[in-house]
PDB file of N, CA and C in Angstrom:
ATOM      1  N   UNK A   1       0.839  -1.162   0.000  1.00  0.00           N
ATOM      2  CA  UNK A   1       0.000   0.000   0.000  1.00  0.00           C
ATOM      3  C   UNK A   1       0.888   1.229   0.000  1.00  0.00           C
ATOM      4  N   UNK A   2       0.443   2.240  -0.699  1.00  0.00           N
ATOM      5  CA  UNK A   2       1.124   3.529  -0.672  1.00  0.00           C
ATOM      6  C   UNK A   2       0.098   4.565  -0.245  1.00  0.00           C
ATOM      7  N   UNK A   3       0.414   5.305   0.802  1.00  0.00           N
ATOM      8  CA  UNK A   3      -0.457   6.336   1.342  1.00  0.00           C
ATOM      9  C   UNK A   3       0.256   7.679   1.254  1.00  0.00           C
ATOM     10  N   UNK A   4      -0.510   8.765   1.179  1.00  0.00           N
ATOM     11  CA  UNK A   4       0.093  10.095   1.121  1.00  0.00           C
ATOM     12  C   UNK A   4      -0.810  11.097   1.826  1.00  0.00           C
ATOM     13  N   UNK A   5      -0.192  12.192   2.280  1.00  0.00           N
ATOM     14  CA  UNK A   5      -0.987  13.244   2.896  1.00  0.00           C
ATOM     15  C   UNK A   5      -1.568  14.149   1.794  1.00  0.00           C
ATOM     16  N   UNK A   6      -2.445  15.073   2.194  1.00  0.00           N
ATOM     17  CA  UNK A   6      -3.112  15.941   1.218  1.00  0.00           C
ATOM     18  C   UNK A   6      -2.145  16.811   0.433  1.00  0.00           C
ATOM     19  N   UNK A   7      -1.045  17.232   1.034  1.00  0.00           N
ATOM     20  CA  UNK A   7      -0.047  18.044   0.335  1.00  0.00           C
ATOM     21  C   UNK A   7       0.497  17.268  -0.862  1.00  0.00           C
ATOM     22  N   UNK A   8       0.867  16.030  -0.644  1.00  0.00           N
ATOM     23  CA  UNK A   8       1.408  15.187  -1.709  1.00  0.00           C
ATOM     24  C   UNK A   8       0.344  14.874  -2.765  1.00  0.00           C
ATOM     25  N   UNK A   9      -0.847  14.519  -2.327  1.00  0.00           N
ATOM     26  CA  UNK A   9      -1.914  14.156  -3.263  1.00  0.00           C
ATOM     27  C   UNK A   9      -2.301  15.339  -4.139  1.00  0.00           C
ATOM     28  N   UNK A  10      -2.453  16.515  -3.557  1.00  0.00           N
ATOM     29  CA  UNK A  10      -2.806  17.704  -4.345  1.00  0.00           C
ATOM     30  C   UNK A  10      -1.733  18.014  -5.383  1.00  0.00           C
ATOM     31  N   UNK A  11      -0.478  17.903  -5.003  1.00  0.00           N
ATOM     32  CA  UNK A  11       0.620  18.147  -5.934  1.00  0.00           C
ATOM     33  C   UNK A  11       0.624  17.122  -7.063  1.00  0.00           C
ATOM     34  N   UNK A  12       0.379  15.884  -6.725  1.00  0.00           N
ATOM     35  CA  UNK A  12       0.314  14.809  -7.727  1.00  0.00           C
ATOM     36  C   UNK A  12      -0.835  15.060  -8.704  1.00  0.00           C
ATOM     37  N   UNK A  13      -1.967  15.474  -8.199  1.00  0.00           N
ATOM     38  CA  UNK A  13      -3.123  15.769  -9.062  1.00  0.00           C
ATOM     39  C   UNK A  13      -2.834  16.928 -10.009  1.00  0.00           C
ATOM     40  N   UNK A  14      -1.957  17.832  -9.590  1.00  0.00           N
ATOM     41  CA  UNK A  14      -1.592  18.967 -10.441  1.00  0.00           C
ATOM     42  C   UNK A  14      -0.492  18.606 -11.437  1.00  0.00           C
ATOM     43  N   UNK A  15      -0.033  17.351 -11.412  1.00  0.00           N
ATOM     44  CA  UNK A  15       0.895  16.883 -12.426  1.00  0.00           C
ATOM     45  C   UNK A  15       2.311  16.595 -11.983  1.00  0.00           C
ATOM     46  N   UNK A  16       2.675  16.882 -10.733  1.00  0.00           N
ATOM     47  CA  UNK A  16       4.037  16.589 -10.278  1.00  0.00           C
ATOM     48  C   UNK A  16       4.188  15.084 -10.121  1.00  0.00           C
ATOM     49  N   UNK A  17       5.286  14.548 -10.415  1.00  0.00           N
ATOM     50  CA  UNK A  17       6.480  15.149 -11.008  1.00  0.00           C
ATOM     51  C   UNK A  17       6.503  15.070 -12.536  1.00  0.00           C
ATOM     52  N   UNK A  18       5.487  14.469 -13.142  1.00  0.00           N
ATOM     53  CA  UNK A  18       5.478  14.244 -14.581  1.00  0.00           C
ATOM     54  C   UNK A  18       5.581  15.505 -15.418  1.00  0.00           C
ATOM     55  N   UNK A  19       5.089  16.613 -14.907  1.00  0.00           N
ATOM     56  CA  UNK A  19       5.130  17.866 -15.652  1.00  0.00           C
ATOM     57  C   UNK A  19       6.390  18.672 -15.368  1.00  0.00           C
ATOM     58  N   UNK A  20       7.308  18.077 -14.643  1.00  0.00           N
ATOM     59  CA  UNK A  20       8.552  18.768 -14.302  1.00  0.00           C
ATOM     60  C   UNK A  20       8.501  19.480 -12.971  1.00  0.00           C
ATOM     61  N   UNK A  21       7.329  19.533 -12.348  1.00  0.00           N
ATOM     62  CA  UNK A  21       7.211  20.161 -11.041  1.00  0.00           C
ATOM     63  C   UNK A  21       7.755  19.250  -9.956  1.00  0.00           C
ATOM     64  N   UNK A  22       7.996  19.829  -8.806  1.00  0.00           N
ATOM     65  CA  UNK A  22       8.485  19.023  -7.687  1.00  0.00           C
ATOM     66  C   UNK A  22       7.428  19.001  -6.594  1.00  0.00           C
ATOM     67  N   UNK A  23       7.566  18.065  -5.696  1.00  0.00           N
ATOM     68  CA  UNK A  23       6.636  17.983  -4.586  1.00  0.00           C
ATOM     69  C   UNK A  23       6.995  19.037  -3.547  1.00  0.00           C
ATOM     70  N   UNK A  24       6.016  19.700  -2.948  1.00  0.00           N
ATOM     71  CA  UNK A  24       6.291  20.793  -2.014  1.00  0.00           C
ATOM     72  C   UNK A  24       6.705  20.321  -0.622  1.00  0.00           C
ATOM     73  N   UNK A  25       7.214  21.269   0.136  1.00  0.00           N
ATOM     74  CA  UNK A  25       7.548  21.024   1.535  1.00  0.00           C
ATOM     75  C   UNK A  25       6.313  20.481   2.239  1.00  0.00           C
ATOM     76  N   UNK A  26       6.521  19.543   3.131  1.00  0.00           N
ATOM     77  CA  UNK A  26       5.424  18.962   3.886  1.00  0.00           C
ATOM     78  C   UNK A  26       4.814  17.732   3.242  1.00  0.00           C
ATOM     79  N   UNK A  27       5.287  17.369   2.045  1.00  0.00           N
ATOM     80  CA  UNK A  27       4.791  16.156   1.391  1.00  0.00           C
ATOM     81  C   UNK A  27       5.239  14.934   2.183  1.00  0.00           C
ATOM     82  N   UNK A  28       4.328  13.980   2.364  1.00  0.00           N
ATOM     83  CA  UNK A  28       4.646  12.757   3.099  1.00  0.00           C
ATOM     84  C   UNK A  28       4.064  11.559   2.349  1.00  0.00           C
ATOM     85  N   UNK A  29       4.885  10.523   2.212  1.00  0.00           N
ATOM     86  CA  UNK A  29       4.452   9.248   1.637  1.00  0.00           C
ATOM     87  C   UNK A  29       4.748   8.166   2.674  1.00  0.00           C
ATOM     88  N   UNK A  30       3.820   7.237   2.817  1.00  0.00           N
ATOM     89  CA  UNK A  30       4.036   6.065   3.665  1.00  0.00           C
ATOM     90  C   UNK A  30       3.797   4.832   2.805  1.00  0.00           C
ATOM     91  N   UNK A  31       4.762   3.932   2.793  1.00  0.00           N
ATOM     92  CA  UNK A  31       4.634   2.678   2.048  1.00  0.00           C
ATOM     93  C   UNK A  31       4.590   1.529   3.042  1.00  0.00           C
ATOM     94  N   UNK A  32       3.578   0.687   2.903  1.00  0.00           N
ATOM     95  CA  UNK A  32       3.402  -0.453   3.795  1.00  0.00           C
ATOM     96  C   UNK A  32       3.540  -1.717   2.951  1.00  0.00           C
ATOM     97  N   UNK A  33       4.520  -2.543   3.291  1.00  0.00           N
ATOM     98  CA  UNK A  33       4.790  -3.746   2.517  1.00  0.00           C
ATOM     99  C   UNK A  33       4.368  -5.011   3.236  1.00  0.00           C
ATOM    100  N   UNK A  34       3.579  -5.809   2.564  1.00  0.00           N
ATOM    101  CA  UNK A  34       3.109  -7.093   3.075  1.00  0.00           C
ATOM    102  C   UNK A  34       3.605  -8.207   2.168  1.00  0.00           C
ATOM    103  N   UNK A  35       3.652  -9.413   2.680  1.00  0.00           N
ATOM    104  CA  UNK A  35       3.846 -10.573   1.808  1.00  0.00           C
ATOM    105  C   UNK A  35       2.526 -10.795   1.067  1.00  0.00           C
ATOM    106  N   UNK A  36       2.602 -11.365  -0.126  1.00  0.00           N
ATOM    107  CA  UNK A  36       1.398 -11.635  -0.913  1.00  0.00           C
ATOM    108  C   UNK A  36       0.906 -13.055  -0.629  1.00  0.00           C
ATOM    109  N   UNK A  37      -0.392 -13.185  -0.422  1.00  0.00           N
ATOM    110  CA  UNK A  37      -1.016 -14.460  -0.118  1.00  0.00           C
ATOM    111  C   UNK A  37      -2.226 -14.625  -1.046  1.00  0.00           C
ATOM    112  N   UNK A  38      -2.459 -15.844  -1.526  1.00  0.00           N
ATOM    113  CA  UNK A  38      -3.637 -16.084  -2.355  1.00  0.00           C
ATOM    114  C   UNK A  38      -4.907 -15.881  -1.528  1.00  0.00           C
ATOM    115  N   UNK A  39      -5.873 -15.249  -2.132  1.00  0.00           N
ATOM    116  CA  UNK A  39      -7.159 -15.022  -1.472  1.00  0.00           C
ATOM    117  C   UNK A  39      -7.892 -16.350  -1.285  1.00  0.00           C
ATOM    118  N   UNK A  40      -8.471 -16.535  -0.119  1.00  0.00           N
ATOM    119  CA  UNK A  40      -9.248 -17.747   0.142  1.00  0.00           C
ATOM    120  C   UNK A  40     -10.590 -17.717  -0.584  1.00  0.00           C
ATOM    121  N   UNK A  41     -11.110 -16.518  -0.844  1.00  0.00           N
ATOM    122  CA  UNK A  41     -12.430 -16.413  -1.454  1.00  0.00           C
ATOM    123  C   UNK A  41     -12.390 -16.188  -2.967  1.00  0.00           C
ATOM    124  N   UNK A  42     -11.205 -15.836  -3.517  1.00  0.00           N
ATOM    125  CA  UNK A  42     -11.072 -15.604  -4.956  1.00  0.00           C
ATOM    126  C   UNK A  42      -9.665 -16.020  -5.361  1.00  0.00           C
ATOM    127  N   UNK A  43      -9.535 -17.232  -5.854  1.00  0.00           N
ATOM    128  CA  UNK A  43      -8.228 -17.863  -6.077  1.00  0.00           C
ATOM    129  C   UNK A  43      -7.292 -17.076  -6.995  1.00  0.00           C
ATOM    130  N   UNK A  44      -7.826 -16.277  -7.907  1.00  0.00           N
ATOM    131  CA  UNK A  44      -6.974 -15.527  -8.834  1.00  0.00           C
ATOM    132  C   UNK A  44      -6.372 -14.276  -8.196  1.00  0.00           C
ATOM    133  N   UNK A  45      -6.839 -13.901  -7.026  1.00  0.00           N
ATOM    134  CA  UNK A  45      -6.408 -12.662  -6.383  1.00  0.00           C
ATOM    135  C   UNK A  45      -5.345 -12.912  -5.317  1.00  0.00           C
ATOM    136  N   UNK A  46      -4.507 -11.899  -5.136  1.00  0.00           N
ATOM    137  CA  UNK A  46      -3.547 -11.881  -4.032  1.00  0.00           C
ATOM    138  C   UNK A  46      -3.997 -10.833  -3.025  1.00  0.00           C
ATOM    139  N   UNK A  47      -3.822 -11.131  -1.755  1.00  0.00           N
ATOM    140  CA  UNK A  47      -4.199 -10.217  -0.680  1.00  0.00           C
ATOM    141  C   UNK A  47      -3.007 -10.045   0.260  1.00  0.00           C
ATOM    142  N   UNK A  48      -3.011  -8.990   1.088  1.00  0.00           N
ATOM    143  CA  UNK A  48      -1.917  -8.810   2.031  1.00  0.00           C
ATOM    144  C   UNK A  48      -1.845  -9.951   3.038  1.00  0.00           C
ATOM    145  N   UNK A  49      -0.624 -10.390   3.318  1.00  0.00           N
ATOM    146  CA  UNK A  49      -0.398 -11.427   4.321  1.00  0.00           C
ATOM    147  C   UNK A  49       0.287 -10.820   5.531  1.00  0.00           C
ATOM    148  N   UNK A  50       1.515 -11.240   5.780  1.00  0.00           N
ATOM    149  CA  UNK A  50       2.283 -10.784   6.938  1.00  0.00           C
ATOM    150  C   UNK A  50       2.905  -9.420   6.653  1.00  0.00           C
ATOM    151  N   UNK A  51       2.810  -8.496   7.601  1.00  0.00           N
ATOM    152  CA  UNK A  51       3.446  -7.191   7.484  1.00  0.00           C
ATOM    153  C   UNK A  51       4.960  -7.371   7.450  1.00  0.00           C
ATOM    154  N   UNK A  52       5.619  -6.794   6.448  1.00  0.00           N
ATOM    155  CA  UNK A  52       7.072  -6.937   6.288  1.00  0.00           C
ATOM    156  C   UNK A  52       7.842  -5.658   6.608  1.00  0.00           C
ATOM    157  N   UNK A  53       7.295  -4.506   6.177  1.00  0.00           N
ATOM    158  CA  UNK A  53       8.034  -3.261   6.393  1.00  0.00           C
ATOM    159  C   UNK A  53       7.085  -2.062   6.285  1.00  0.00           C
ATOM    160  N   UNK A  54       7.506  -0.953   6.894  1.00  0.00           N
ATOM    161  CA  UNK A  54       6.823   0.329   6.771  1.00  0.00           C
ATOM    162  C   UNK A  54       7.896   1.354   6.449  1.00  0.00           C
ATOM    163  N   UNK A  55       7.651   2.165   5.418  1.00  0.00           N
ATOM    164  CA  UNK A  55       8.632   3.163   4.975  1.00  0.00           C
ATOM    165  C   UNK A  55       7.979   4.538   4.965  1.00  0.00           C
ATOM    166  N   UNK A  56       8.756   5.560   5.334  1.00  0.00           N
ATOM    167  CA  UNK A  56       8.294   6.943   5.333  1.00  0.00           C
ATOM    168  C   UNK A  56       9.221   7.774   4.463  1.00  0.00           C
ATOM    169  N   UNK A  57       8.633   8.681   3.692  1.00  0.00           N
ATOM    170  CA  UNK A  57       9.405   9.627   2.892  1.00  0.00           C
ATOM    171  C   UNK A  57       8.783  10.994   3.160  1.00  0.00           C
ATOM    172  N   UNK A  58       9.601  11.947   3.636  1.00  0.00           N
ATOM    173  CA  UNK A  58       9.108  13.245   4.075  1.00  0.00           C
ATOM    174  C   UNK A  58       9.917  14.356   3.412  1.00  0.00           C
ATOM    175  N   UNK A  59       9.236  15.364   2.860  1.00  0.00           N
ATOM    176  CA  UNK A  59       9.909  16.513   2.250  1.00  0.00           C
ATOM    177  C   UNK A  59      10.022  17.616   3.288  1.00  0.00           C
ATOM    178  N   UNK A  60      11.252  17.858   3.761  1.00  0.00           N
ATOM    179  CA  UNK A  60      11.538  18.899   4.743  1.00  0.00           C
ATOM    180  C   UNK A  60      12.978  19.356   4.502  1.00  0.00           C
ATOM    181  N   UNK A  61      13.134  20.374   3.678  1.00  0.00           N
ATOM    182  CA  UNK A  61      14.467  20.826   3.265  1.00  0.00           C
ATOM    183  C   UNK A  61      15.320  21.324   4.422  1.00  0.00           C
ATOM    184  N   UNK A  62      14.710  21.874   5.451  1.00  0.00           N
ATOM    185  CA  UNK A  62      15.478  22.356   6.602  1.00  0.00           C
ATOM    186  C   UNK A  62      16.108  21.201   7.371  1.00  0.00           C
ATOM    187  N   UNK A  63      15.391  20.098   7.502  1.00  0.00           N
ATOM    188  CA  UNK A  63      15.892  18.945   8.263  1.00  0.00           C
ATOM    189  C   UNK A  63      16.789  18.029   7.439  1.00  0.00           C
ATOM    190  N   UNK A  64      16.578  17.978   6.113  1.00  0.00           N
ATOM    191  CA  UNK A  64      17.288  17.012   5.272  1.00  0.00           C
ATOM    192  C   UNK A  64      17.956  17.661   4.056  1.00  0.00           C
ATOM    193  N   UNK A  65      18.815  18.657   4.267  1.00  0.00           N
ATOM    194  CA  UNK A  65      19.422  19.349   3.126  1.00  0.00           C
ATOM    195  C   UNK A  65      20.355  18.465   2.295  1.00  0.00           C
ATOM    196  N   UNK A  66      20.974  17.480   2.895  1.00  0.00           N
ATOM    197  CA  UNK A  66      21.946  16.636   2.186  1.00  0.00           C
ATOM    198  C   UNK A  66      21.290  15.697   1.175  1.00  0.00           C
ATOM    199  N   UNK A  67      19.986  15.497   1.279  1.00  0.00           N
ATOM    200  CA  UNK A  67      19.291  14.581   0.364  1.00  0.00           C
ATOM    201  C   UNK A  67      18.197  15.323  -0.411  1.00  0.00           C
ATOM    202  N   UNK A  68      18.526  16.553  -0.835  1.00  0.00           N
ATOM    203  CA  UNK A  68      17.589  17.391  -1.601  1.00  0.00           C
ATOM    204  C   UNK A  68      16.266  17.610  -0.886  1.00  0.00           C
ATOM    205  N   UNK A  69      16.311  17.632   0.443  1.00  0.00           N
ATOM    206  CA  UNK A  69      15.123  17.927   1.230  1.00  0.00           C
ATOM    207  C   UNK A  69      14.265  16.739   1.604  1.00  0.00           C
ATOM    208  N   UNK A  70      14.685  15.544   1.204  1.00  0.00           N
ATOM    209  CA  UNK A  70      13.891  14.350   1.494  1.00  0.00           C
ATOM    210  C   UNK A  70      14.494  13.551   2.646  1.00  0.00           C
ATOM    211  N   UNK A  71      13.633  13.160   3.592  1.00  0.00           N
ATOM    212  CA  UNK A  71      14.033  12.283   4.685  1.00  0.00           C
ATOM    213  C   UNK A  71      13.419  10.911   4.473  1.00  0.00           C
ATOM    214  N   UNK A  72      14.182   9.880   4.780  1.00  0.00           N
ATOM    215  CA  UNK A  72      13.752   8.499   4.543  1.00  0.00           C
ATOM    216  C   UNK A  72      13.875   7.683   5.825  1.00  0.00           C
ATOM    217  N   UNK A  73      12.908   6.800   6.045  1.00  0.00           N
ATOM    218  CA  UNK A  73      12.985   5.859   7.168  1.00  0.00           C
ATOM    219  C   UNK A  73      12.351   4.545   6.729  1.00  0.00           C
ATOM    220  N   UNK A  74      12.948   3.452   7.153  1.00  0.00           N
ATOM    221  CA  UNK A  74      12.396   2.124   6.858  1.00  0.00           C
ATOM    222  C   UNK A  74      12.450   1.300   8.132  1.00  0.00           C
ATOM    223  N   UNK A  75      11.336   0.668   8.444  1.00  0.00           N
ATOM    224  CA  UNK A  75      11.234  -0.223   9.591  1.00  0.00           C
ATOM    225  C   UNK A  75      10.872  -1.600   9.070  1.00  0.00           C
ATOM    226  N   UNK A  76      11.770  -2.551   9.247  1.00  0.00           N
ATOM    227  CA  UNK A  76      11.533  -3.917   8.788  1.00  0.00           C
ATOM    228  C   UNK A  76      11.161  -4.796   9.972  1.00  0.00           C
ATOM    229  N   UNK A  77      10.241  -5.681   9.727  1.00  0.00           N
ATOM    230  CA  UNK A  77       9.776  -6.563  10.800  1.00  0.00           C
ATOM    231  C   UNK A  77      10.246  -7.971  10.577  1.00  0.00           C
TER     232      UNK A  77
END
Protein backbone atom coordinates (compact mmCIF):
# COMPACT_ATOMS: atom_id res chain seq x y z
CA UNK A 1 0.00 0.00 0.00
CA UNK A 2 1.12 3.53 -0.67
CA UNK A 3 -0.46 6.34 1.34
CA UNK A 4 0.09 10.09 1.12
CA UNK A 5 -0.99 13.24 2.90
CA UNK A 6 -3.11 15.94 1.22
CA UNK A 7 -0.05 18.04 0.34
CA UNK A 8 1.41 15.19 -1.71
CA UNK A 9 -1.91 14.16 -3.26
CA UNK A 10 -2.81 17.70 -4.34
CA UNK A 11 0.62 18.15 -5.93
CA UNK A 12 0.31 14.81 -7.73
CA UNK A 13 -3.12 15.77 -9.06
CA UNK A 14 -1.59 18.97 -10.44
CA UNK A 15 0.89 16.88 -12.43
CA UNK A 16 4.04 16.59 -10.28
CA UNK A 17 6.48 15.15 -11.01
CA UNK A 18 5.48 14.24 -14.58
CA UNK A 19 5.13 17.87 -15.65
CA UNK A 20 8.55 18.77 -14.30
CA UNK A 21 7.21 20.16 -11.04
CA UNK A 22 8.49 19.02 -7.69
CA UNK A 23 6.64 17.98 -4.59
CA UNK A 24 6.29 20.79 -2.01
CA UNK A 25 7.55 21.02 1.53
CA UNK A 26 5.42 18.96 3.89
CA UNK A 27 4.79 16.16 1.39
CA UNK A 28 4.65 12.76 3.10
CA UNK A 29 4.45 9.25 1.64
CA UNK A 30 4.04 6.06 3.67
CA UNK A 31 4.63 2.68 2.05
CA UNK A 32 3.40 -0.45 3.79
CA UNK A 33 4.79 -3.75 2.52
CA UNK A 34 3.11 -7.09 3.07
CA UNK A 35 3.85 -10.57 1.81
CA UNK A 36 1.40 -11.64 -0.91
CA UNK A 37 -1.02 -14.46 -0.12
CA UNK A 38 -3.64 -16.08 -2.36
CA UNK A 39 -7.16 -15.02 -1.47
CA UNK A 40 -9.25 -17.75 0.14
CA UNK A 41 -12.43 -16.41 -1.45
CA UNK A 42 -11.07 -15.60 -4.96
CA UNK A 43 -8.23 -17.86 -6.08
CA UNK A 44 -6.97 -15.53 -8.83
CA UNK A 45 -6.41 -12.66 -6.38
CA UNK A 46 -3.55 -11.88 -4.03
CA UNK A 47 -4.20 -10.22 -0.68
CA UNK A 48 -1.92 -8.81 2.03
CA UNK A 49 -0.40 -11.43 4.32
CA UNK A 50 2.28 -10.78 6.94
CA UNK A 51 3.45 -7.19 7.48
CA UNK A 52 7.07 -6.94 6.29
CA UNK A 53 8.03 -3.26 6.39
CA UNK A 54 6.82 0.33 6.77
CA UNK A 55 8.63 3.16 4.98
CA UNK A 56 8.29 6.94 5.33
CA UNK A 57 9.41 9.63 2.89
CA UNK A 58 9.11 13.24 4.07
CA UNK A 59 9.91 16.51 2.25
CA UNK A 60 11.54 18.90 4.74
CA UNK A 61 14.47 20.83 3.27
CA UNK A 62 15.48 22.36 6.60
CA UNK A 63 15.89 18.94 8.26
CA UNK A 64 17.29 17.01 5.27
CA UNK A 65 19.42 19.35 3.13
CA UNK A 66 21.95 16.64 2.19
CA UNK A 67 19.29 14.58 0.36
CA UNK A 68 17.59 17.39 -1.60
CA UNK A 69 15.12 17.93 1.23
CA UNK A 70 13.89 14.35 1.49
CA UNK A 71 14.03 12.28 4.69
CA UNK A 72 13.75 8.50 4.54
CA UNK A 73 12.98 5.86 7.17
CA UNK A 74 12.40 2.12 6.86
CA UNK A 75 11.23 -0.22 9.59
CA UNK A 76 11.53 -3.92 8.79
CA UNK A 77 9.78 -6.56 10.80
